[in-house]
Amino acid sequence: MESAKGRIKEMPMDQNQPMTREQVKKEKAEQREKDAIIKVKRRKRKFPIWLRVLIVLFLIVVCFLGGLVVGYGVVGHGKPMDALKESTYTHIRDIVIKEK
């Protein structure tokens, strides 16, 4: 029998019993769920994953540098921009590793 709206669809050839209306509705609902899953899998991302990773890494670096400036300038009572100079860290290294 052909499948049409309002008609009962038959089961595959190996079973001789026709499908009930509930079984037809259940089968259609399952097919709609499968179609929805396929649509979700095919969606295009607005921001690709590699761009998200780069943005997160950039934000980590910005937060680290901001923490250095605030820590050195506010907590350490120094000039905030001195935290970004190489001479500051050379001086700190010399203090930690005293040459004898």
PDB file of N, CA and C in Angstrom:
ATOM      1  N   MET A   1       0.827  -1.185   0.000  1.00  0.00           N
ATOM      2  CA  MET A   1       0.000   0.000   0.000  1.00  0.00           C
ATOM      3  C   MET A   1       0.871   1.249   0.000  1.00  0.00           C
ATOM      4  N   GLU A   2       0.424   2.282  -0.664  1.00  0.00           N
ATOM      5  CA  GLU A   2       1.163   3.538  -0.677  1.00  0.00           C
ATOM      6  C   GLU A   2       0.956   4.249   0.648  1.00  0.00           C
ATOM      7  N   SER A   3       1.988   5.010   1.029  1.00  0.00           N
ATOM      8  CA  SER A   3       1.877   5.779   2.249  1.00  0.00           C
ATOM      9  C   SER A   3       1.257   7.133   1.917  1.00  0.00           C
ATOM     10  N   ALA A   4       0.124   7.418   2.471  1.00  0.00           N
ATOM     11  CA  ALA A   4      -0.537   8.696   2.245  1.00  0.00           C
ATOM     12  C   ALA A   4      -1.136   9.155   3.560  1.00  0.00           C
ATOM     13  N   LYS A   5      -1.456  10.426   3.608  1.00  0.00           N
ATOM     14  CA  LYS A   5      -2.008  10.968   4.841  1.00  0.00           C
ATOM     15  C   LYS A   5      -3.358  10.319   5.127  1.00  0.00           C
ATOM     16  N   GLY A   6      -3.503   9.797   6.309  1.00  0.00           N
ATOM     17  CA  GLY A   6      -4.754   9.175   6.688  1.00  0.00           C
ATOM     18  C   GLY A   6      -4.817   7.682   6.392  1.00  0.00           C
ATOM     19  N   ARG A   7      -3.898   7.165   5.604  1.00  0.00           N
ATOM     20  CA  ARG A   7      -3.886   5.737   5.312  1.00  0.00           C
ATOM     21  C   ARG A   7      -2.922   5.037   6.251  1.00  0.00           C
ATOM     22  N   ILE A   8      -3.104   3.760   6.407  1.00  0.00           N
ATOM     23  CA  ILE A   8      -2.242   2.964   7.268  1.00  0.00           C
ATOM     24  C   ILE A   8      -1.109   2.404   6.433  1.00  0.00           C
ATOM     25  N   LYS A   9       0.104   2.591   6.922  1.00  0.00           N
ATOM     26  CA  LYS A   9       1.291   2.098   6.217  1.00  0.00           C
ATOM     27  C   LYS A   9       1.567   0.666   6.653  1.00  0.00           C
ATOM     28  N   GLU A  10       1.942  -0.160   5.714  1.00  0.00           N
ATOM     29  CA  GLU A  10       2.233  -1.551   6.036  1.00  0.00           C
ATOM     30  C   GLU A  10       3.668  -1.707   6.508  1.00  0.00           C
ATOM     31  N   MET A  11       3.887  -2.740   7.314  1.00  0.00           N
ATOM     32  CA  MET A  11       5.230  -3.075   7.799  1.00  0.00           C
ATOM     33  C   MET A  11       6.026  -3.672   6.650  1.00  0.00           C
ATOM     34  N   PRO A  12       7.321  -3.851   6.827  1.00  0.00           N
ATOM     35  CA  PRO A  12       8.131  -4.482   5.787  1.00  0.00           C
ATOM     36  C   PRO A  12       7.603  -5.870   5.431  1.00  0.00           C
ATOM     37  N   MET A  13       8.059  -6.393   4.291  1.00  0.00           N
ATOM     38  CA  MET A  13       7.551  -7.643   3.735  1.00  0.00           C
ATOM     39  C   MET A  13       7.641  -8.836   4.691  1.00  0.00           C
ATOM     40  N   ASP A  14       8.636  -8.841   5.589  1.00  0.00           N
ATOM     41  CA  ASP A  14       8.802 -10.007   6.452  1.00  0.00           C
ATOM     42  C   ASP A  14       7.709 -10.105   7.524  1.00  0.00           C
ATOM     43  N   GLN A  15       6.959  -9.021   7.743  1.00  0.00           N
ATOM     44  CA  GLN A  15       5.858  -9.069   8.697  1.00  0.00           C
ATOM     45  C   GLN A  15       4.569  -8.767   7.947  1.00  0.00           C
ATOM     46  N   ASN A  16       3.566  -9.530   8.196  1.00  0.00           N
ATOM     47  CA  ASN A  16       2.314  -9.405   7.454  1.00  0.00           C
ATOM     48  C   ASN A  16       1.311  -8.460   8.111  1.00  0.00           C
ATOM     49  N   GLN A  17       1.607  -7.963   9.306  1.00  0.00           N
ATOM     50  CA  GLN A  17       0.655  -7.118  10.005  1.00  0.00           C
ATOM     51  C   GLN A  17       0.850  -5.654   9.599  1.00  0.00           C
ATOM     52  N   PRO A  18      -0.244  -4.951   9.314  1.00  0.00           N
ATOM     53  CA  PRO A  18      -0.120  -3.526   8.995  1.00  0.00           C
ATOM     54  C   PRO A  18       0.192  -2.729  10.269  1.00  0.00           C
ATOM     55  N   MET A  19       0.796  -1.568  10.069  1.00  0.00           N
ATOM     56  CA  MET A  19       1.133  -0.715  11.213  1.00  0.00           C
ATOM     57  C   MET A  19      -0.125  -0.015  11.708  1.00  0.00           C
ATOM     58  N   THR A  20      -0.195   0.172  13.002  1.00  0.00           N
ATOM     59  CA  THR A  20      -1.315   0.917  13.565  1.00  0.00           C
ATOM     60  C   THR A  20      -1.021   2.409  13.429  1.00  0.00           C
ATOM     61  N   ARG A  21      -2.037   3.200  13.635  1.00  0.00           N
ATOM     62  CA  ARG A  21      -1.857   4.653  13.520  1.00  0.00           C
ATOM     63  C   ARG A  21      -0.835   5.159  14.540  1.00  0.00           C
ATOM     64  N   GLU A  22      -0.827   4.561  15.737  1.00  0.00           N
ATOM     65  CA  GLU A  22       0.129   4.957  16.766  1.00  0.00           C
ATOM     66  C   GLU A  22       1.558   4.658  16.325  1.00  0.00           C
ATOM     67  N   GLN A  23       1.742   3.493  15.685  1.00  0.00           N
ATOM     68  CA  GLN A  23       3.076   3.133  15.204  1.00  0.00           C
ATOM     69  C   GLN A  23       3.532   4.079  14.091  1.00  0.00           C
ATOM     70  N   VAL A  24       2.598   4.468  13.223  1.00  0.00           N
ATOM     71  CA  VAL A  24       2.927   5.405  12.145  1.00  0.00           C
ATOM     72  C   VAL A  24       3.323   6.754  12.736  1.00  0.00           C
ATOM     73  N   LYS A  25       2.554   7.226  13.723  1.00  0.00           N
ATOM     74  CA  LYS A  25       2.863   8.499  14.374  1.00  0.00           C
ATOM     75  C   LYS A  25       4.217   8.434  15.069  1.00  0.00           C
ATOM     76  N   LYS A  26       4.484   7.307  15.722  1.00  0.00           N
ATOM     77  CA  LYS A  26       5.752   7.142  16.426  1.00  0.00           C
ATOM     78  C   LYS A  26       6.916   7.149  15.433  1.00  0.00           C
ATOM     79  N   GLU A  27       6.732   6.474  14.308  1.00  0.00           N
ATOM     80  CA  GLU A  27       7.779   6.417  13.287  1.00  0.00           C
ATOM     81  C   GLU A  27       8.053   7.804  12.700  1.00  0.00           C
ATOM     82  N   LYS A  28       6.983   8.564  12.447  1.00  0.00           N
ATOM     83  CA  LYS A  28       7.154   9.919  11.926  1.00  0.00           C
ATOM     84  C   LYS A  28       7.857  10.819  12.935  1.00  0.00           C
ATOM     85  N   ALA A  29       7.512  10.667  14.219  1.00  0.00           N
ATOM     86  CA  ALA A  29       8.159  11.466  15.258  1.00  0.00           C
ATOM     87  C   ALA A  29       9.647  11.129  15.352  1.00  0.00           C
ATOM     88  N   GLU A  30       9.972   9.838  15.252  1.00  0.00           N
ATOM     89  CA  GLU A  30      11.377   9.428  15.282  1.00  0.00           C
ATOM     90  C   GLU A  30      12.133   9.995  14.093  1.00  0.00           C
ATOM     91  N   GLN A  31      11.490  10.018  12.927  1.00  0.00           N
ATOM     92  CA  GLN A  31      12.136  10.561  11.733  1.00  0.00           C
ATOM     93  C   GLN A  31      12.363  12.069  11.878  1.00  0.00           C
ATOM     94  N   ARG A  32      11.394  12.771  12.476  1.00  0.00           N
ATOM     95  CA  ARG A  32      11.562  14.208  12.711  1.00  0.00           C
ATOM     96  C   ARG A  32      12.723  14.474  13.663  1.00  0.00           C
ATOM     97  N   GLU A  33      12.863  13.623  14.699  1.00  0.00           N
ATOM     98  CA  GLU A  33      13.978  13.771  15.637  1.00  0.00           C
ATOM     99  C   GLU A  33      15.312  13.559  14.935  1.00  0.00           C
ATOM    100  N   LYS A  34      15.380  12.539  14.079  1.00  0.00           N
ATOM    101  CA  LYS A  34      16.612  12.281  13.327  1.00  0.00           C
ATOM    102  C   LYS A  34      16.945  13.458  12.416  1.00  0.00           C
ATOM    103  N   ASP A  35      15.932  14.013  11.756  1.00  0.00           N
ATOM    104  CA  ASP A  35      16.146  15.165  10.886  1.00  0.00           C
ATOM    105  C   ASP A  35      16.636  16.372  11.678  1.00  0.00           C
ATOM    106  N   ALA A  36      16.083  16.568  12.874  1.00  0.00           N
ATOM    107  CA  ALA A  36      16.501  17.682  13.713  1.00  0.00           C
ATOM    108  C   ALA A  36      17.952  17.519  14.138  1.00  0.00           C
ATOM    109  N   ILE A  37      18.354  16.290  14.473  1.00  0.00           N
ATOM    110  CA  ILE A  37      19.736  16.028  14.865  1.00  0.00           C
ATOM    111  C   ILE A  37      20.676  16.316  13.708  1.00  0.00           C
ATOM    112  N   ILE A  38      20.290  15.916  12.517  1.00  0.00           N
ATOM    113  CA  ILE A  38      21.117  16.171  11.335  1.00  0.00           C
ATOM    114  C   ILE A  38      21.252  17.669  11.096  1.00  0.00           C
ATOM    115  N   LYS A  39      20.165  18.429  11.276  1.00  0.00           N
ATOM    116  CA  LYS A  39      20.224  19.873  11.095  1.00  0.00           C
ATOM    117  C   LYS A  39      21.158  20.514  12.100  1.00  0.00           C
ATOM    118  N   VAL A  40      21.146  20.031  13.342  1.00  0.00           N
ATOM    119  CA  VAL A  40      22.024  20.578  14.366  1.00  0.00           C
ATOM    120  C   VAL A  40      23.482  20.301  14.008  1.00  0.00           C
ATOM    121  N   LYS A  41      23.769  19.135  13.495  1.00  0.00           N
ATOM    122  CA  LYS A  41      25.128  18.784  13.148  1.00  0.00           C
ATOM    123  C   LYS A  41      25.647  19.616  11.978  1.00  0.00           C
ATOM    124  N   ARG A  42      24.770  20.074  11.118  1.00  0.00           N
ATOM    125  CA  ARG A  42      25.185  20.795   9.920  1.00  0.00           C
ATOM    126  C   ARG A  42      25.251  22.303  10.118  1.00  0.00           C
ATOM    127  N   ARG A  43      24.915  22.814  11.304  1.00  0.00           N
ATOM    128  CA  ARG A  43      24.885  24.263  11.466  1.00  0.00           C
ATOM    129  C   ARG A  43      26.283  24.852  11.335  1.00  0.00           C
ATOM    130  N   LYS A  44      26.345  26.032  10.800  1.00  0.00           N
ATOM    131  CA  LYS A  44      27.626  26.707  10.608  1.00  0.00           C
ATOM    132  C   LYS A  44      27.869  27.620  11.802  1.00  0.00           C
ATOM    133  N   ARG A  45      29.078  27.571  12.319  1.00  0.00           N
ATOM    134  CA  ARG A  45      29.424  28.389  13.471  1.00  0.00           C
ATOM    135  C   ARG A  45      29.737  29.815  13.030  1.00  0.00           C
ATOM    136  N   LYS A  46      29.336  30.782  13.853  1.00  0.00           N
ATOM    137  CA  LYS A  46      29.635  32.171  13.543  1.00  0.00           C
ATOM    138  C   LYS A  46      31.119  32.450  13.761  1.00  0.00           C
ATOM    139  N   PHE A  47      31.677  31.881  14.829  1.00  0.00           N
ATOM    140  CA  PHE A  47      33.100  32.011  15.110  1.00  0.00           C
ATOM    141  C   PHE A  47      33.706  30.613  15.104  1.00  0.00           C
ATOM    142  N   PRO A  48      34.623  30.333  14.193  1.00  0.00           N
ATOM    143  CA  PRO A  48      35.232  28.999  14.162  1.00  0.00           C
ATOM    144  C   PRO A  48      36.008  28.717  15.453  1.00  0.00           C
ATOM    145  N   ILE A  49      36.214  27.457  15.712  1.00  0.00           N
ATOM    146  CA  ILE A  49      36.871  27.047  16.956  1.00  0.00           C
ATOM    147  C   ILE A  49      38.283  27.622  17.047  1.00  0.00           C
ATOM    148  N   TRP A  50      39.029  27.621  15.936  1.00  0.00           N
ATOM    149  CA  TRP A  50      40.398  28.144  15.975  1.00  0.00           C
ATOM    150  C   TRP A  50      40.404  29.627  16.343  1.00  0.00           C
ATOM    151  N   LEU A  51      39.387  30.384  15.914  1.00  0.00           N
ATOM    152  CA  LEU A  51      39.304  31.795  16.272  1.00  0.00           C
ATOM    153  C   LEU A  51      38.979  31.954  17.755  1.00  0.00           C
ATOM    154  N   ARG A  52      38.128  31.087  18.278  1.00  0.00           N
ATOM    155  CA  ARG A  52      37.810  31.116  19.707  1.00  0.00           C
ATOM    156  C   ARG A  52      39.049  30.854  20.542  1.00  0.00           C
ATOM    157  N   VAL A  53      39.862  29.892  20.112  1.00  0.00           N
ATOM    158  CA  VAL A  53      41.094  29.572  20.845  1.00  0.00           C
ATOM    159  C   VAL A  53      42.029  30.772  20.832  1.00  0.00           C
ATOM    160  N   LEU A  54      42.192  31.423  19.687  1.00  0.00           N
ATOM    161  CA  LEU A  54      43.060  32.601  19.601  1.00  0.00           C
ATOM    162  C   LEU A  54      42.554  33.738  20.486  1.00  0.00           C
ATOM    163  N   ILE A  55      41.246  33.931  20.500  1.00  0.00           N
ATOM    164  CA  ILE A  55      40.680  34.989  21.340  1.00  0.00           C
ATOM    165  C   ILE A  55      40.926  34.697  22.812  1.00  0.00           C
ATOM    166  N   VAL A  56      40.748  33.451  23.227  1.00  0.00           N
ATOM    167  CA  VAL A  56      40.981  33.083  24.630  1.00  0.00           C
ATOM    168  C   VAL A  56      42.455  33.273  24.994  1.00  0.00           C
ATOM    169  N   LEU A  57      43.371  32.853  24.118  1.00  0.00           N
ATOM    170  CA  LEU A  57      44.793  33.048  24.387  1.00  0.00           C
ATOM    171  C   LEU A  57      45.150  34.532  24.476  1.00  0.00           C
ATOM    172  N   PHE A  58      44.579  35.333  23.593  1.00  0.00           N
ATOM    173  CA  PHE A  58      44.810  36.778  23.634  1.00  0.00           C
ATOM    174  C   PHE A  58      44.315  37.374  24.948  1.00  0.00           C
ATOM    175  N   LEU A  59      43.127  36.960  25.377  1.00  0.00           N
ATOM    176  CA  LEU A  59      42.580  37.473  26.642  1.00  0.00           C
ATOM    177  C   LEU A  59      43.420  37.040  27.836  1.00  0.00           C
ATOM    178  N   ILE A  60      43.976  35.830  27.784  1.00  0.00           N
ATOM    179  CA  ILE A  60      44.854  35.372  28.870  1.00  0.00           C
ATOM    180  C   ILE A  60      46.085  36.256  28.957  1.00  0.00           C
ATOM    181  N   VAL A  61      46.694  36.585  27.808  1.00  0.00           N
ATOM    182  CA  VAL A  61      47.889  37.433  27.791  1.00  0.00           C
ATOM    183  C   VAL A  61      47.551  38.833  28.298  1.00  0.00           C
ATOM    184  N   VAL A  62      46.415  39.380  27.860  1.00  0.00           N
ATOM    185  CA  VAL A  62      46.009  40.718  28.309  1.00  0.00           C
ATOM    186  C   VAL A  62      45.781  40.730  29.823  1.00  0.00           C
ATOM    187  N   CYS A  63      45.121  39.717  30.337  1.00  0.00           N
ATOM    188  CA  CYS A  63      44.887  39.640  31.788  1.00  0.00           C
ATOM    189  C   CYS A  63      46.185  39.491  32.556  1.00  0.00           C
ATOM    190  N   PHE A  64      47.120  38.714  32.028  1.00  0.00           N
ATOM    191  CA  PHE A  64      48.416  38.540  32.686  1.00  0.00           C
ATOM    192  C   PHE A  64      49.166  39.867  32.747  1.00  0.00           C
ATOM    193  N   LEU A  65      49.215  40.580  31.616  1.00  0.00           N
ATOM    194  CA  LEU A  65      49.912  41.865  31.595  1.00  0.00           C
ATOM    195  C   LEU A  65      49.209  42.889  32.480  1.00  0.00           C
ATOM    196  N   GLY A  66      47.885  42.875  32.479  1.00  0.00           N
ATOM    197  CA  GLY A  66      47.142  43.775  33.365  1.00  0.00           C
ATOM    198  C   GLY A  66      47.416  43.470  34.827  1.00  0.00           C
ATOM    199  N   GLY A  67      47.518  42.194  35.153  1.00  0.00           N
ATOM    200  CA  GLY A  67      47.848  41.810  36.522  1.00  0.00           C
ATOM    201  C   GLY A  67      49.250  42.243  36.925  1.00  0.00           C
ATOM    202  N   LEU A  68      50.182  42.140  35.989  1.00  0.00           N
ATOM    203  CA  LEU A  68      51.545  42.615  36.267  1.00  0.00           C
ATOM    204  C   LEU A  68      51.569  44.109  36.561  1.00  0.00           C
ATOM    205  N   VAL A  69      50.881  44.884  35.729  1.00  0.00           N
ATOM    206  CA  VAL A  69      50.866  46.341  35.894  1.00  0.00           C
ATOM    207  C   VAL A  69      50.199  46.722  37.203  1.00  0.00           C
ATOM    208  N   VAL A  70      49.057  46.115  37.512  1.00  0.00           N
ATOM    209  CA  VAL A  70      48.361  46.438  38.761  1.00  0.00           C
ATOM    210  C   VAL A  70      49.177  45.973  39.966  1.00  0.00           C
ATOM    211  N   GLY A  71      49.715  44.785  39.890  1.00  0.00           N
ATOM    212  CA  GLY A  71      50.505  44.269  41.014  1.00  0.00           C
ATOM    213  C   GLY A  71      51.756  45.085  41.284  1.00  0.00           C
ATOM    214  N   TYR A  72      52.457  45.461  40.239  1.00  0.00           N
ATOM    215  CA  TYR A  72      53.701  46.221  40.411  1.00  0.00           C
ATOM    216  C   TYR A  72      53.412  47.674  40.769  1.00  0.00           C
ATOM    217  N   GLY A  73      52.395  48.251  40.123  1.00  0.00           N
ATOM    218  CA  GLY A  73      52.116  49.669  40.332  1.00  0.00           C
ATOM    219  C   GLY A  73      51.316  49.965  41.574  1.00  0.00           C
ATOM    220  N   VAL A  74      50.277  49.201  41.838  1.00  0.00           N
ATOM    221  CA  VAL A  74      49.389  49.507  42.961  1.00  0.00           C
ATOM    222  C   VAL A  74      49.853  48.801  44.229  1.00  0.00           C
ATOM    223  N   VAL A  75      50.038  47.502  44.148  1.00  0.00           N
ATOM    224  CA  VAL A  75      50.416  46.737  45.335  1.00  0.00           C
ATOM    225  C   VAL A  75      51.880  47.006  45.703  1.00  0.00           C
ATOM    226  N   GLY A  76      52.743  47.104  44.706  1.00  0.00           N
ATOM    227  CA  GLY A  76      54.172  47.294  44.969  1.00  0.00           C
ATOM    228  C   GLY A  76      54.603  48.735  45.056  1.00  0.00           C
ATOM    229  N   HIS A  77      53.692  49.679  44.875  1.00  0.00           N
ATOM    230  CA  HIS A  77      53.963  51.116  44.956  1.00  0.00           C
ATOM    231  C   HIS A  77      55.079  51.552  44.009  1.00  0.00           C
ATOM    232  N   GLY A  78      55.123  50.975  42.831  1.00  0.00           N
ATOM    233  CA  GLY A  78      56.096  51.389  41.825  1.00  0.00           C
ATOM    234  C   GLY A  78      55.383  52.073  40.677  1.00  0.00           C
ATOM    235  N   LYS A  79      56.132  52.384  39.654  1.00  0.00           N
ATOM    236  CA  LYS A  79      55.505  52.963  38.463  1.00  0.00           C
ATOM    237  C   LYS A  79      54.904  51.806  37.664  1.00  0.00           C
ATOM    238  N   PRO A  80      53.620  51.864  37.345  1.00  0.00           N
ATOM    239  CA  PRO A  80      52.949  50.730  36.682  1.00  0.00           C
ATOM    240  C   PRO A  80      53.609  50.282  35.371  1.00  0.00           C
ATOM    241  N   MET A  81      54.097  51.219  34.571  1.00  0.00           N
ATOM    242  CA  MET A  81      54.673  50.842  33.277  1.00  0.00           C
ATOM    243  C   MET A  81      56.065  50.225  33.426  1.00  0.00           C
ATOM    244  N   ASP A  82      56.678  50.371  34.591  1.00  0.00           N
ATOM    245  CA  ASP A  82      57.972  49.718  34.824  1.00  0.00           C
ATOM    246  C   ASP A  82      57.837  48.195  34.860  1.00  0.00           C
ATOM    247  N   ALA A  83      56.629  47.721  35.098  1.00  0.00           N
ATOM    248  CA  ALA A  83      56.391  46.275  35.142  1.00  0.00           C
ATOM    249  C   ALA A  83      56.589  45.639  33.772  1.00  0.00           C
ATOM    250  N   LEU A  84      56.537  46.431  32.716  1.00  0.00           N
ATOM    251  CA  LEU A  84      56.669  45.892  31.368  1.00  0.00           C
ATOM    252  C   LEU A  84      58.080  46.054  30.797  1.00  0.00           C
ATOM    253  N   LYS A  85      58.986  46.607  31.582  1.00  0.00           N
ATOM    254  CA  LYS A  85      60.359  46.804  31.101  1.00  0.00           C
ATOM    255  C   LYS A  85      61.233  45.600  31.437  1.00  0.00           C
ATOM    256  N   GLU A  86      62.164  45.303  30.551  1.00  0.00           N
ATOM    257  CA  GLU A  86      63.068  44.176  30.767  1.00  0.00           C
ATOM    258  C   GLU A  86      64.038  44.443  31.911  1.00  0.00           C
ATOM    259  N   SER A  87      64.425  45.686  32.107  1.00  0.00           N
ATOM    260  CA  SER A  87      65.391  46.021  33.157  1.00  0.00           C
ATOM    261  C   SER A  87      64.861  45.678  34.549  1.00  0.00           C
ATOM    262  N   THR A  88      63.558  45.757  34.732  1.00  0.00           N
ATOM    263  CA  THR A  88      62.952  45.410  36.024  1.00  0.00           C
ATOM    264  C   THR A  88      63.207  43.949  36.352  1.00  0.00           C
ATOM    265  N   TYR A  89      63.028  43.089  35.361  1.00  0.00           N
ATOM    266  CA  TYR A  89      63.188  41.655  35.604  1.00  0.00           C
ATOM    267  C   TYR A  89      64.657  41.247  35.657  1.00  0.00           C
ATOM    268  N   THR A  90      65.502  41.987  34.981  1.00  0.00           N
ATOM    269  CA  THR A  90      66.941  41.751  35.106  1.00  0.00           C
ATOM    270  C   THR A  90      67.378  42.061  36.536  1.00  0.00           C
ATOM    271  N   HIS A  91      66.867  43.165  37.081  1.00  0.00           N
ATOM    272  CA  HIS A  91      67.198  43.546  38.448  1.00  0.00           C
ATOM    273  C   HIS A  91      66.680  42.507  39.443  1.00  0.00           C
ATOM    274  N   ILE A  92      65.453  42.035  39.250  1.00  0.00           N
ATOM    275  CA  ILE A  92      64.886  41.021  40.142  1.00  0.00           C
ATOM    276  C   ILE A  92      65.688  39.742  40.065  1.00  0.00           C
ATOM    277  N   ARG A  93      66.084  39.340  38.861  1.00  0.00           N
ATOM    278  CA  ARG A  93      66.891  38.125  38.705  1.00  0.00           C
ATOM    279  C   ARG A  93      68.242  38.265  39.388  1.00  0.00           C
ATOM    280  N   ASP A  94      68.834  39.426  39.293  1.00  0.00           N
ATOM    281  CA  ASP A  94      70.136  39.661  39.943  1.00  0.00           C
ATOM    282  C   ASP A  94      70.000  39.576  41.464  1.00  0.00           C
ATOM    283  N   ILE A  95      68.908  40.060  42.015  1.00  0.00           N
ATOM    284  CA  ILE A  95      68.684  39.988  43.458  1.00  0.00           C
ATOM    285  C   ILE A  95      68.484  38.545  43.901  1.00  0.00           C
ATOM    286  N   VAL A  96      67.713  37.776  43.136  1.00  0.00           N
ATOM    287  CA  VAL A  96      67.417  36.386  43.505  1.00  0.00           C
ATOM    288  C   VAL A  96      68.663  35.528  43.349  1.00  0.00           C
ATOM    289  N   ILE A  97      69.364  35.687  42.258  1.00  0.00           N
ATOM    290  CA  ILE A  97      70.576  34.904  41.992  1.00  0.00           C
ATOM    291  C   ILE A  97      71.772  35.812  42.261  1.00  0.00           C
ATOM    292  N   LYS A  98      72.218  35.829  43.499  1.00  0.00           N
ATOM    293  CA  LYS A  98      73.355  36.682  43.846  1.00  0.00           C
ATOM    294  C   LYS A  98      74.628  36.044  43.353  1.00  0.00           C
ATOM    295  N   GLU A  99      75.393  36.840  42.623  1.00  0.00           N
ATOM    296  CA  GLU A  99      76.682  36.342  42.157  1.00  0.00           C
ATOM    297  C   GLU A  99      77.701  36.502  43.269  1.00  0.00           C
ATOM    298  N   LYS A 100      78.455  35.468  43.536  1.00  0.00           N
ATOM    299  CA  LYS A 100      79.426  35.498  44.643  1.00  0.00           C
ATOM    300  C   LYS A 100      80.827  35.614  44.124  1.00  0.00           C
TER     301      LYS A 100
END
